[in-house]
């Protein structure tokens, strides 16, 4: 009998990540919820258990802290010998607005620690477990605002949203996605950057049409792609529903 597939989602104790966990459990995965606050992670798995979704566990994981990432790798490695899916979703936005002229370097560093260095830490730590999967998938959760094409196009509806630290970190994560996919081009790894979209409330507090279920589906789609699927690509279905998002 084939063993149950496994997935790790960082920043998964609420919101879109928790919805992604629901969908992966429904697809037959055992899901590890990475939560910076262990208590919130425990509450999340209780919520899932109450919905009849029991193939889930929580691990304390702060993507901005190397010791925390290493401890999470050790803990998960005791429980499974392979990891099939890694979804890097832990991120922070920090205070807004974030103008290029006035936003502090220290604040930019804080955002980068979680949003850019964090995914790299997690990929490095769990890569050995992922190599043991037959069909390893890495999804780096990004944002359409991290697209230079979107940020520089006055005709784009999101052109006025300038969030310096967040956008720079997501743009850097996009480049990392390209390079990681290139490194792994001769393997079964698939590595993509996916924007789940602005869900319910965007940055100026207007209600959005997208639902959290739609957002979760956008990410899970690329966690489940076959070996003939894309790699090294950037998708934002909210902004570009017909195909790839321009870098």
Foldseek 3Di string as FASTA:
>chain_A
DDDFAEEEEEPQLDFLNLLLVLVVLVVRYQYEYEHCDVVSNVVSQVVCVVVVRNSYYYAHAQLLDLVRLLVRLVVVVVVDQAHAEYEQDDFDQDDDDADPVPHDPVVLVVRLSRLASSVVSNCVNRVNRHVPDQAHEYEYEAALLLAPVQCPDPPRPCVVRCRPSRSVNRVNNLVVQLVVCVVCVVGNYAGEYEYLDDAQQDDVGDGDPDHSNSSSVRRVVRSPDGSPDHHSFYDYCVRPVVDGRHD
